[in-house]
Each structure stands twice: as structure tokens, then as C-alpha cells.
Amino acid sequence: MNLSLYTITGFLIMDTDGHRVLAKYYHPKSHPQAESPKLRYVKEQRAFEKGLYHKTKKAGGDIILYDSHLAVYKHSLDLIFYLIADPVENELMVHSALTALYDAVHLLLRNQVEKRGVLENLDLVLLCLDETIDDGVIVETDPAAIASRVSRPRADTTEIVINEQTIMNAYMTVKEKMQQRIGQL
């Protein structure tokens, strides 16, 4: 029985042609199987990704056991999101993490989860990934919480009303402050 918190081996985003858009593999030193040479080198990763893509390129499933790895995936318009884990991990937990990550990206990109949008906002996608998974440990599964930690609070400019009175008040305040400063000299 595996009682380790390290559940995720890797995260992938691939396009519909099988090319890597984003890949992040986790090899924490404190993991019980840290000496395992699986998916450590780019050549191995590319071969794994190519085979995984050929098994999952058609929409229809959401989980597969491939090359002694559990792969949970989700199709978007022109992208496929993957979470890779050991085969003994809880599939529902891995699926929950992937769904939360995908939904957070969906919220942040305003329903535009496509290759162009992901590449233009790669910083937000990586921050979502870091808020969801920390060095292979799933830390958050609530998409709203992930999105709120990643996004910057924006001033809501629709509620600010600028009219002549507001500008006149600002002018009068500046005029009074200037008269006070000149009077102090």
C-alpha cells in the first residue's frame, strides 16, 4: 500500500497533431521511488508522449493505463490535457485534479481553452499548474480557488462614474493643497 503524498508523475498538454505544447515531469528527491529512471530524459519523455498520443488521440475516454503509467486525459478544442501517475494511484483523485486544473484554466482564459490562448497565457497556465500540483503532490482540487489565487484582482472600471462634478472636486482639492503649501513658505 502506497501511503506517499506524491501522486503525479507528469503533466502534459499536447495539440491534436501530437506535438508537445507544455510538459512538466516531477521527480522529487524525497519520493520513495526517487531512484527510478522512468521518464527522466527528454528522449524517453518524447517516446512516451508519442505513444500516449496515438492511444488517446480520439475523444471518447478519459483514463488509460499505458506503459506502466496511469494517464488521465481531457480533450479540448485543439488540445489534450494529461495527468500522468503511477498505476497504483487513486484514479478518481487524479481525475479530480485534472478536472480542477482544466476548469481553472477555462475560467482564467474566459472559455478560450485552445492552443493559441494557452500559448499566449502560458504564465497563467503554469501558475494554475503550480497551485494545483506541488512537486507531484495534489494540493488543490477546487477550480475557483485555483483561479482566484492565480488571477490578479482588477479594478472594476464599469462602476466608476466620471463627470464634471468629480473633475471639479479633484481640481478644488489640488488647488486647496497648493494654497496651503504656498502659505507655509
N, C-alpha and C. Protein backbone atom coordinates (compact mmCIF):
# COMPACT_ATOMS: atom_id res chain seq x y z
N MET A 1 0.85 -1.19 0.00
CA MET A 1 0.00 0.00 0.00
C MET A 1 0.89 1.24 0.00
N ASN A 2 0.61 2.15 -0.90
CA ASN A 2 1.39 3.37 -1.04
C ASN A 2 0.75 4.47 -0.20
N LEU A 3 1.47 4.94 0.81
CA LEU A 3 0.96 6.00 1.68
C LEU A 3 1.63 7.34 1.41
N SER A 4 2.33 7.44 0.30
CA SER A 4 3.02 8.66 -0.06
C SER A 4 2.03 9.68 -0.61
N LEU A 5 2.33 10.96 -0.39
CA LEU A 5 1.51 12.03 -0.96
C LEU A 5 1.85 12.29 -2.43
N TYR A 6 3.00 11.80 -2.87
CA TYR A 6 3.42 12.03 -4.25
C TYR A 6 2.58 11.16 -5.18
N THR A 7 1.68 11.77 -5.90
CA THR A 7 0.78 11.01 -6.76
C THR A 7 1.00 11.28 -8.24
N ILE A 8 1.44 12.46 -8.60
CA ILE A 8 1.53 12.85 -10.00
C ILE A 8 2.97 12.73 -10.49
N THR A 9 3.13 12.07 -11.63
CA THR A 9 4.44 11.91 -12.25
C THR A 9 4.69 12.99 -13.30
N GLY A 10 3.62 13.42 -13.97
CA GLY A 10 3.81 14.43 -15.01
C GLY A 10 2.51 15.06 -15.44
N PHE A 11 2.65 16.20 -16.09
CA PHE A 11 1.53 16.94 -16.67
C PHE A 11 1.89 17.27 -18.10
N LEU A 12 0.96 17.05 -19.01
CA LEU A 12 1.21 17.31 -20.43
C LEU A 12 0.04 18.07 -21.04
N ILE A 13 0.37 18.94 -21.97
CA ILE A 13 -0.63 19.48 -22.88
C ILE A 13 -0.08 19.21 -24.27
N MET A 14 -0.85 18.50 -25.07
CA MET A 14 -0.44 18.20 -26.44
C MET A 14 -1.51 18.71 -27.40
N ASP A 15 -1.07 19.11 -28.59
CA ASP A 15 -2.06 19.55 -29.57
C ASP A 15 -2.61 18.34 -30.32
N THR A 16 -3.54 18.59 -31.22
CA THR A 16 -4.21 17.48 -31.91
C THR A 16 -3.33 16.82 -32.96
N ASP A 17 -2.14 17.36 -33.19
CA ASP A 17 -1.18 16.72 -34.09
C ASP A 17 -0.17 15.87 -33.33
N GLY A 18 -0.25 15.87 -32.02
CA GLY A 18 0.66 15.07 -31.21
C GLY A 18 1.92 15.80 -30.79
N HIS A 19 1.97 17.11 -30.97
CA HIS A 19 3.14 17.88 -30.57
C HIS A 19 2.97 18.40 -29.15
N ARG A 20 4.05 18.46 -28.43
CA ARG A 20 4.05 18.93 -27.05
C ARG A 20 3.86 20.44 -27.03
N VAL A 21 2.89 20.89 -26.27
CA VAL A 21 2.68 22.31 -26.03
C VAL A 21 3.31 22.68 -24.69
N LEU A 22 3.08 21.83 -23.69
CA LEU A 22 3.63 22.04 -22.36
C LEU A 22 3.83 20.67 -21.72
N ALA A 23 4.96 20.51 -21.05
CA ALA A 23 5.21 19.26 -20.34
C ALA A 23 5.97 19.57 -19.06
N LYS A 24 5.55 18.95 -17.99
CA LYS A 24 6.24 19.11 -16.71
C LYS A 24 6.22 17.75 -16.02
N TYR A 25 7.41 17.23 -15.76
CA TYR A 25 7.54 15.94 -15.09
C TYR A 25 8.11 16.17 -13.70
N TYR A 26 7.63 15.37 -12.76
CA TYR A 26 8.02 15.52 -11.37
C TYR A 26 8.91 14.36 -10.95
N HIS A 27 10.07 14.69 -10.38
CA HIS A 27 11.00 13.71 -9.83
C HIS A 27 11.52 14.23 -8.49
N PRO A 28 10.66 14.30 -7.47
CA PRO A 28 11.12 14.83 -6.18
C PRO A 28 12.14 13.90 -5.53
N LYS A 29 13.15 14.48 -4.92
CA LYS A 29 14.21 13.69 -4.29
C LYS A 29 13.72 12.90 -3.10
N SER A 30 12.69 13.40 -2.43
CA SER A 30 12.21 12.72 -1.23
C SER A 30 11.16 11.65 -1.53
N HIS A 31 10.85 11.44 -2.80
CA HIS A 31 9.87 10.42 -3.19
C HIS A 31 10.46 9.04 -2.90
N PRO A 32 9.64 8.09 -2.44
CA PRO A 32 10.15 6.75 -2.14
C PRO A 32 10.80 6.06 -3.34
N GLN A 33 10.37 6.37 -4.55
CA GLN A 33 10.96 5.77 -5.74
C GLN A 33 11.76 6.80 -6.53
N ALA A 34 12.50 7.65 -5.84
CA ALA A 34 13.24 8.73 -6.50
C ALA A 34 14.35 8.20 -7.40
N GLU A 35 14.85 7.03 -7.12
CA GLU A 35 15.93 6.47 -7.93
C GLU A 35 15.43 5.84 -9.22
N SER A 36 14.12 5.76 -9.39
CA SER A 36 13.54 5.16 -10.59
C SER A 36 13.87 6.02 -11.81
N PRO A 37 14.44 5.42 -12.85
CA PRO A 37 14.85 6.20 -14.02
C PRO A 37 13.74 6.46 -15.04
N LYS A 38 12.48 6.24 -14.69
CA LYS A 38 11.38 6.41 -15.64
C LYS A 38 11.18 7.89 -16.00
N LEU A 39 11.11 8.15 -17.28
CA LEU A 39 10.77 9.47 -17.83
C LEU A 39 11.66 10.59 -17.30
N ARG A 40 12.93 10.31 -17.14
CA ARG A 40 13.86 11.34 -16.67
C ARG A 40 14.45 12.15 -17.81
N TYR A 41 14.59 11.54 -18.97
CA TYR A 41 15.28 12.20 -20.08
C TYR A 41 14.29 12.56 -21.18
N VAL A 42 14.61 13.61 -21.91
CA VAL A 42 13.71 14.14 -22.93
C VAL A 42 13.40 13.08 -23.99
N LYS A 43 14.38 12.28 -24.36
CA LYS A 43 14.17 11.25 -25.37
C LYS A 43 13.11 10.25 -24.91
N GLU A 44 13.19 9.83 -23.66
CA GLU A 44 12.20 8.90 -23.09
C GLU A 44 10.83 9.58 -23.01
N GLN A 45 10.82 10.84 -22.60
CA GLN A 45 9.57 11.57 -22.48
C GLN A 45 8.88 11.71 -23.84
N ARG A 46 9.64 12.06 -24.87
CA ARG A 46 9.07 12.22 -26.21
C ARG A 46 8.50 10.90 -26.74
N ALA A 47 9.23 9.81 -26.51
CA ALA A 47 8.74 8.50 -26.96
C ALA A 47 7.45 8.13 -26.22
N PHE A 48 7.43 8.39 -24.92
CA PHE A 48 6.23 8.12 -24.12
C PHE A 48 5.06 8.97 -24.61
N GLU A 49 5.31 10.25 -24.85
CA GLU A 49 4.26 11.16 -25.31
C GLU A 49 3.71 10.76 -26.68
N LYS A 50 4.60 10.33 -27.56
CA LYS A 50 4.17 9.92 -28.90
C LYS A 50 3.26 8.70 -28.82
N GLY A 51 3.66 7.71 -28.05
CA GLY A 51 2.82 6.51 -27.89
C GLY A 51 1.51 6.81 -27.19
N LEU A 52 1.57 7.66 -26.16
CA LEU A 52 0.37 8.04 -25.43
C LEU A 52 -0.60 8.79 -26.34
N TYR A 53 -0.07 9.67 -27.16
CA TYR A 53 -0.93 10.41 -28.08
C TYR A 53 -1.65 9.47 -29.04
N HIS A 54 -0.91 8.50 -29.59
CA HIS A 54 -1.53 7.57 -30.55
C HIS A 54 -2.63 6.73 -29.91
N LYS A 55 -2.53 6.48 -28.61
CA LYS A 55 -3.57 5.72 -27.91
C LYS A 55 -4.77 6.59 -27.54
N THR A 56 -4.56 7.89 -27.39
CA THR A 56 -5.62 8.76 -26.85
C THR A 56 -6.08 9.85 -27.81
N LYS A 57 -5.65 9.83 -29.06
CA LYS A 57 -5.97 10.94 -29.96
C LYS A 57 -7.45 11.04 -30.29
N LYS A 58 -8.17 9.95 -30.20
CA LYS A 58 -9.61 10.00 -30.45
C LYS A 58 -10.34 10.26 -29.14
N ALA A 59 -11.25 11.21 -29.19
CA ALA A 59 -12.03 11.52 -27.98
C ALA A 59 -12.93 10.34 -27.65
N GLY A 60 -13.23 10.19 -26.40
CA GLY A 60 -14.12 9.11 -26.00
C GLY A 60 -13.80 8.59 -24.62
N GLY A 61 -12.56 8.48 -24.30
CA GLY A 61 -12.18 8.00 -22.98
C GLY A 61 -11.64 9.13 -22.14
N ASP A 62 -11.31 8.81 -20.92
CA ASP A 62 -10.68 9.82 -20.07
C ASP A 62 -9.62 9.22 -19.17
N ILE A 63 -9.37 7.91 -19.27
CA ILE A 63 -8.35 7.28 -18.46
C ILE A 63 -7.79 6.08 -19.22
N ILE A 64 -6.48 5.89 -19.11
CA ILE A 64 -5.83 4.79 -19.80
C ILE A 64 -4.61 4.35 -18.98
N LEU A 65 -4.30 3.08 -19.06
CA LEU A 65 -3.07 2.54 -18.48
C LEU A 65 -2.13 2.30 -19.65
N TYR A 66 -1.06 3.09 -19.71
CA TYR A 66 -0.14 3.00 -20.84
C TYR A 66 1.30 2.95 -20.33
N ASP A 67 2.05 1.98 -20.77
CA ASP A 67 3.48 1.85 -20.46
C ASP A 67 3.74 1.93 -18.95
N SER A 68 2.97 1.20 -18.20
CA SER A 68 3.02 1.14 -16.73
C SER A 68 2.84 2.52 -16.08
N HIS A 69 2.02 3.35 -16.71
CA HIS A 69 1.65 4.65 -16.15
C HIS A 69 0.14 4.83 -16.30
N LEU A 70 -0.44 5.44 -15.31
CA LEU A 70 -1.85 5.81 -15.37
C LEU A 70 -1.93 7.19 -16.02
N ALA A 71 -2.69 7.31 -17.08
CA ALA A 71 -2.84 8.59 -17.77
C ALA A 71 -4.31 8.97 -17.76
N VAL A 72 -4.60 10.10 -17.16
CA VAL A 72 -5.95 10.66 -17.17
C VAL A 72 -5.89 11.85 -18.12
N TYR A 73 -6.84 11.93 -19.04
CA TYR A 73 -6.77 12.98 -20.05
C TYR A 73 -8.13 13.59 -20.32
N LYS A 74 -8.06 14.79 -20.90
CA LYS A 74 -9.28 15.54 -21.22
C LYS A 74 -9.04 16.29 -22.53
N HIS A 75 -9.95 16.11 -23.47
CA HIS A 75 -9.85 16.77 -24.77
C HIS A 75 -10.48 18.15 -24.70
N SER A 76 -9.82 19.10 -25.36
CA SER A 76 -10.34 20.44 -25.54
C SER A 76 -10.54 20.63 -27.05
N LEU A 77 -10.69 21.85 -27.51
CA LEU A 77 -10.89 22.08 -28.94
C LEU A 77 -9.75 21.50 -29.77
N ASP A 78 -8.55 21.99 -29.54
CA ASP A 78 -7.40 21.51 -30.30
C ASP A 78 -6.24 21.11 -29.37
N LEU A 79 -6.57 20.80 -28.13
CA LEU A 79 -5.56 20.38 -27.15
C LEU A 79 -6.04 19.15 -26.39
N ILE A 80 -5.07 18.43 -25.84
CA ILE A 80 -5.37 17.33 -24.94
C ILE A 80 -4.56 17.56 -23.67
N PHE A 81 -5.23 17.59 -22.52
CA PHE A 81 -4.60 17.76 -21.22
C PHE A 81 -4.41 16.38 -20.60
N TYR A 82 -3.22 16.11 -20.06
CA TYR A 82 -2.92 14.82 -19.44
C TYR A 82 -2.36 15.02 -18.04
N LEU A 83 -2.73 14.14 -17.13
CA LEU A 83 -2.02 13.97 -15.87
C LEU A 83 -1.53 12.54 -15.85
N ILE A 84 -0.25 12.35 -15.55
CA ILE A 84 0.38 11.04 -15.53
C ILE A 84 0.67 10.69 -14.08
N ALA A 85 0.35 9.44 -13.70
CA ALA A 85 0.58 8.98 -12.33
C ALA A 85 1.02 7.52 -12.36
N ASP A 86 1.42 7.03 -11.21
CA ASP A 86 1.74 5.60 -11.08
C ASP A 86 0.45 4.80 -11.19
N PRO A 87 0.53 3.57 -11.65
CA PRO A 87 -0.71 2.78 -11.85
C PRO A 87 -1.43 2.42 -10.56
N VAL A 88 -0.77 2.54 -9.40
CA VAL A 88 -1.42 2.19 -8.13
C VAL A 88 -2.15 3.37 -7.50
N GLU A 89 -2.10 4.53 -8.14
CA GLU A 89 -2.73 5.72 -7.57
C GLU A 89 -4.24 5.68 -7.74
N ASN A 90 -4.91 6.49 -6.95
CA ASN A 90 -6.36 6.60 -6.98
C ASN A 90 -6.77 7.36 -8.24
N GLU A 91 -7.45 6.68 -9.14
CA GLU A 91 -7.84 7.28 -10.42
C GLU A 91 -8.79 8.45 -10.23
N LEU A 92 -9.68 8.34 -9.26
CA LEU A 92 -10.65 9.41 -9.03
C LEU A 92 -9.97 10.69 -8.54
N MET A 93 -8.96 10.54 -7.71
CA MET A 93 -8.24 11.72 -7.22
C MET A 93 -7.45 12.38 -8.35
N VAL A 94 -6.81 11.59 -9.18
CA VAL A 94 -6.07 12.14 -10.31
C VAL A 94 -7.03 12.82 -11.29
N HIS A 95 -8.16 12.19 -11.53
CA HIS A 95 -9.17 12.78 -12.42
C HIS A 95 -9.72 14.08 -11.83
N SER A 96 -9.93 14.10 -10.53
CA SER A 96 -10.42 15.31 -9.87
C SER A 96 -9.41 16.45 -10.00
N ALA A 97 -8.12 16.14 -9.86
CA ALA A 97 -7.08 17.16 -10.00
C ALA A 97 -7.04 17.69 -11.43
N LEU A 98 -7.14 16.81 -12.41
CA LEU A 98 -7.12 17.24 -13.81
C LEU A 98 -8.33 18.10 -14.13
N THR A 99 -9.48 17.70 -13.66
CA THR A 99 -10.70 18.47 -13.90
C THR A 99 -10.61 19.85 -13.26
N ALA A 100 -10.08 19.92 -12.05
CA ALA A 100 -9.92 21.21 -11.37
C ALA A 100 -8.95 22.10 -12.13
N LEU A 101 -7.84 21.54 -12.57
CA LEU A 101 -6.86 22.31 -13.32
C LEU A 101 -7.45 22.81 -14.64
N TYR A 102 -8.12 21.94 -15.35
CA TYR A 102 -8.74 22.32 -16.62
C TYR A 102 -9.80 23.40 -16.42
N ASP A 103 -10.64 23.24 -15.41
CA ASP A 103 -11.69 24.22 -15.15
C ASP A 103 -11.12 25.57 -14.73
N ALA A 104 -10.02 25.57 -13.96
CA ALA A 104 -9.38 26.82 -13.57
C ALA A 104 -8.80 27.53 -14.79
N VAL A 105 -8.16 26.79 -15.67
CA VAL A 105 -7.64 27.37 -16.91
C VAL A 105 -8.80 27.89 -17.76
N HIS A 106 -9.88 27.15 -17.79
CA HIS A 106 -11.09 27.55 -18.53
C HIS A 106 -11.63 28.88 -17.99
N LEU A 107 -11.65 29.03 -16.67
CA LEU A 107 -12.11 30.28 -16.06
C LEU A 107 -11.18 31.44 -16.40
N LEU A 108 -9.88 31.21 -16.28
CA LEU A 108 -8.91 32.29 -16.48
C LEU A 108 -8.81 32.73 -17.94
N LEU A 109 -8.97 31.78 -18.85
CA LEU A 109 -8.87 32.12 -20.27
C LEU A 109 -10.22 32.50 -20.87
N ARG A 110 -11.23 32.63 -20.02
CA ARG A 110 -12.58 33.06 -20.43
C ARG A 110 -13.14 32.18 -21.54
N ASN A 111 -13.18 30.89 -21.26
CA ASN A 111 -13.76 29.88 -22.16
C ASN A 111 -12.99 29.71 -23.46
N GLN A 112 -11.77 30.18 -23.55
CA GLN A 112 -10.96 30.08 -24.77
C GLN A 112 -9.81 29.10 -24.57
N VAL A 113 -10.12 27.86 -24.22
CA VAL A 113 -9.07 26.86 -23.99
C VAL A 113 -8.73 26.24 -25.34
N GLU A 114 -7.85 26.92 -26.04
CA GLU A 114 -7.36 26.45 -27.33
C GLU A 114 -5.87 26.74 -27.37
N LYS A 115 -5.19 26.19 -28.36
CA LYS A 115 -3.73 26.27 -28.41
C LYS A 115 -3.23 27.71 -28.37
N ARG A 116 -3.81 28.57 -29.17
CA ARG A 116 -3.36 29.96 -29.22
C ARG A 116 -3.53 30.64 -27.86
N GLY A 117 -4.69 30.46 -27.24
CA GLY A 117 -4.95 31.07 -25.94
C GLY A 117 -4.03 30.55 -24.85
N VAL A 118 -3.74 29.26 -24.88
CA VAL A 118 -2.84 28.67 -23.89
C VAL A 118 -1.43 29.20 -24.07
N LEU A 119 -0.96 29.28 -25.32
CA LEU A 119 0.39 29.79 -25.57
C LEU A 119 0.52 31.27 -25.20
N GLU A 120 -0.52 32.06 -25.47
CA GLU A 120 -0.47 33.48 -25.13
C GLU A 120 -0.53 33.71 -23.62
N ASN A 121 -1.15 32.80 -22.90
CA ASN A 121 -1.29 32.93 -21.44
C ASN A 121 -0.59 31.78 -20.72
N LEU A 122 0.57 31.41 -21.21
CA LEU A 122 1.30 30.28 -20.64
C LEU A 122 1.66 30.53 -19.18
N ASP A 123 1.90 31.79 -18.82
CA ASP A 123 2.20 32.10 -17.43
C ASP A 123 1.04 31.75 -16.51
N LEU A 124 -0.18 32.06 -16.93
CA LEU A 124 -1.35 31.72 -16.11
C LEU A 124 -1.56 30.21 -16.02
N VAL A 125 -1.32 29.52 -17.12
CA VAL A 125 -1.48 28.06 -17.13
C VAL A 125 -0.47 27.42 -16.18
N LEU A 126 0.77 27.90 -16.22
CA LEU A 126 1.80 27.35 -15.32
C LEU A 126 1.51 27.68 -13.86
N LEU A 127 1.00 28.87 -13.60
CA LEU A 127 0.62 29.20 -12.23
C LEU A 127 -0.54 28.33 -11.75
N CYS A 128 -1.49 28.05 -12.63
CA CYS A 128 -2.59 27.13 -12.28
C CYS A 128 -2.03 25.75 -11.95
N LEU A 129 -1.10 25.30 -12.75
CA LEU A 129 -0.48 24.00 -12.51
C LEU A 129 0.23 23.99 -11.17
N ASP A 130 0.97 25.04 -10.87
CA ASP A 130 1.69 25.11 -9.60
C ASP A 130 0.76 25.21 -8.40
N GLU A 131 -0.39 25.85 -8.58
CA GLU A 131 -1.36 25.93 -7.49
C GLU A 131 -2.11 24.61 -7.29
N THR A 132 -2.18 23.79 -8.32
CA THR A 132 -2.88 22.51 -8.23
C THR A 132 -1.95 21.40 -7.76
N ILE A 133 -0.75 21.35 -8.31
CA ILE A 133 0.20 20.28 -8.03
C ILE A 133 1.52 20.89 -7.62
N ASP A 134 2.03 20.48 -6.48
CA ASP A 134 3.30 20.97 -5.98
C ASP A 134 4.28 19.81 -5.90
N ASP A 135 5.19 19.75 -6.87
CA ASP A 135 6.24 18.73 -6.91
C ASP A 135 5.67 17.31 -6.86
N GLY A 136 4.54 17.11 -7.52
CA GLY A 136 3.93 15.78 -7.58
C GLY A 136 2.85 15.53 -6.56
N VAL A 137 2.61 16.48 -5.67
CA VAL A 137 1.58 16.35 -4.64
C VAL A 137 0.38 17.20 -5.04
N ILE A 138 -0.80 16.60 -5.04
CA ILE A 138 -2.02 17.35 -5.34
C ILE A 138 -2.37 18.19 -4.11
N VAL A 139 -2.41 19.52 -4.29
CA VAL A 139 -2.67 20.39 -3.15
C VAL A 139 -4.02 21.09 -3.22
N GLU A 140 -4.65 21.14 -4.39
CA GLU A 140 -5.94 21.82 -4.51
C GLU A 140 -6.77 21.19 -5.61
N THR A 141 -8.06 21.02 -5.34
CA THR A 141 -8.96 20.46 -6.35
C THR A 141 -10.20 21.33 -6.56
N ASP A 142 -10.15 22.57 -6.11
CA ASP A 142 -11.26 23.49 -6.31
C ASP A 142 -10.87 24.50 -7.39
N PRO A 143 -11.50 24.45 -8.56
CA PRO A 143 -11.10 25.34 -9.65
C PRO A 143 -11.26 26.82 -9.33
N ALA A 144 -12.27 27.19 -8.57
CA ALA A 144 -12.46 28.61 -8.22
C ALA A 144 -11.33 29.10 -7.32
N ALA A 145 -10.90 28.27 -6.38
CA ALA A 145 -9.79 28.65 -5.50
C ALA A 145 -8.49 28.78 -6.28
N ILE A 146 -8.26 27.87 -7.21
CA ILE A 146 -7.05 27.93 -8.03
C ILE A 146 -7.06 29.19 -8.88
N ALA A 147 -8.17 29.47 -9.53
CA ALA A 147 -8.27 30.65 -10.40
C ALA A 147 -8.13 31.94 -9.60
N SER A 148 -8.68 31.97 -8.39
CA SER A 148 -8.59 33.19 -7.58
C SER A 148 -7.16 33.44 -7.10
N ARG A 149 -6.40 32.40 -6.87
CA ARG A 149 -5.00 32.57 -6.45
C ARG A 149 -4.12 33.01 -7.61
N VAL A 150 -4.49 32.63 -8.80
CA VAL A 150 -3.67 32.93 -9.97
C VAL A 150 -3.98 34.30 -10.54
N SER A 151 -5.25 34.68 -10.60
CA SER A 151 -5.63 35.93 -11.25
C SER A 151 -5.33 37.12 -10.36
N ARG A 152 -5.08 38.23 -11.03
CA ARG A 152 -4.85 39.49 -10.33
C ARG A 152 -6.19 40.16 -10.09
N PRO A 153 -6.39 40.75 -8.92
CA PRO A 153 -7.64 41.49 -8.74
C PRO A 153 -7.63 42.73 -9.64
N ARG A 154 -8.69 42.91 -10.36
CA ARG A 154 -8.78 44.02 -11.30
C ARG A 154 -9.78 45.05 -10.79
N ALA A 155 -9.46 46.29 -11.01
CA ALA A 155 -10.40 47.35 -10.65
C ALA A 155 -11.57 47.28 -11.62
N ASP A 156 -12.74 47.32 -11.07
CA ASP A 156 -13.93 47.25 -11.91
C ASP A 156 -14.25 48.66 -12.39
N THR A 157 -13.84 48.95 -13.60
CA THR A 157 -13.99 50.31 -14.13
C THR A 157 -15.41 50.62 -14.56
N THR A 158 -16.27 49.65 -14.61
CA THR A 158 -17.65 49.92 -15.03
C THR A 158 -18.43 50.66 -13.96
N GLU A 159 -17.98 50.58 -12.71
CA GLU A 159 -18.71 51.22 -11.62
C GLU A 159 -18.21 52.63 -11.32
N ILE A 160 -17.11 53.04 -11.92
CA ILE A 160 -16.57 54.37 -11.68
C ILE A 160 -17.25 55.35 -12.63
N VAL A 161 -17.89 56.35 -12.05
CA VAL A 161 -18.59 57.35 -12.84
C VAL A 161 -17.77 58.63 -12.80
N ILE A 162 -17.34 59.07 -13.96
CA ILE A 162 -16.57 60.31 -14.05
C ILE A 162 -17.46 61.34 -14.74
N ASN A 163 -17.68 62.42 -14.02
CA ASN A 163 -18.48 63.50 -14.61
C ASN A 163 -17.80 64.82 -14.28
N GLU A 164 -18.42 65.92 -14.64
CA GLU A 164 -17.83 67.24 -14.41
C GLU A 164 -17.67 67.53 -12.93
N GLN A 165 -18.60 67.09 -12.12
CA GLN A 165 -18.55 67.34 -10.68
C GLN A 165 -17.32 66.65 -10.07
N THR A 166 -17.04 65.42 -10.48
CA THR A 166 -15.89 64.68 -9.95
C THR A 166 -14.59 65.37 -10.33
N ILE A 167 -14.49 65.82 -11.57
CA ILE A 167 -13.29 66.51 -12.02
C ILE A 167 -13.15 67.85 -11.29
N MET A 168 -14.25 68.56 -11.09
CA MET A 168 -14.22 69.84 -10.38
C MET A 168 -13.79 69.64 -8.93
N ASN A 169 -14.28 68.57 -8.28
CA ASN A 169 -13.87 68.28 -6.90
C ASN A 169 -12.37 67.99 -6.83
N ALA A 170 -11.85 67.25 -7.78
CA ALA A 170 -10.41 66.95 -7.80
C ALA A 170 -9.61 68.23 -8.01
N TYR A 171 -10.07 69.10 -8.90
CA TYR A 171 -9.39 70.37 -9.15
C TYR A 171 -9.39 71.23 -7.89
N MET A 172 -10.51 71.33 -7.20
CA MET A 172 -10.60 72.14 -5.99
C MET A 172 -9.69 71.60 -4.89
N THR A 173 -9.61 70.27 -4.77
CA THR A 173 -8.75 69.67 -3.75
C THR A 173 -7.29 69.99 -4.04
N VAL A 174 -6.87 69.88 -5.29
CA VAL A 174 -5.49 70.19 -5.67
C VAL A 174 -5.21 71.68 -5.44
N LYS A 175 -6.17 72.54 -5.76
CA LYS A 175 -6.00 73.99 -5.59
C LYS A 175 -5.82 74.33 -4.11
N GLU A 176 -6.64 73.72 -3.23
CA GLU A 176 -6.53 73.98 -1.80
C GLU A 176 -5.19 73.50 -1.25
N LYS A 177 -4.74 72.34 -1.67
CA LYS A 177 -3.45 71.80 -1.20
C LYS A 177 -2.30 72.71 -1.65
N MET A 178 -2.36 73.21 -2.88
CA MET A 178 -1.32 74.10 -3.38
C MET A 178 -1.31 75.41 -2.60
N GLN A 179 -2.49 75.97 -2.27
CA GLN A 179 -2.56 77.20 -1.49
C GLN A 179 -1.99 76.98 -0.09
N GLN A 180 -2.27 75.82 0.50
CA GLN A 180 -1.73 75.51 1.83
C GLN A 180 -0.21 75.42 1.79
N ARG A 181 0.33 74.77 0.77
CA ARG A 181 1.79 74.62 0.64
C ARG A 181 2.46 75.98 0.42
N ILE A 182 1.87 76.81 -0.42
CA ILE A 182 2.44 78.13 -0.69
C ILE A 182 2.35 78.99 0.56
N GLY A 183 1.26 78.85 1.31
CA GLY A 183 1.08 79.61 2.55
C GLY A 183 2.09 79.21 3.62
N GLN A 184 2.59 77.98 3.60
CA GLN A 184 3.56 77.51 4.58
C GLN A 184 4.95 78.07 4.30
N LEU A 185 5.22 78.48 3.08
CA LEU A 185 6.54 79.02 2.73
C LEU A 185 6.62 80.41 3.21
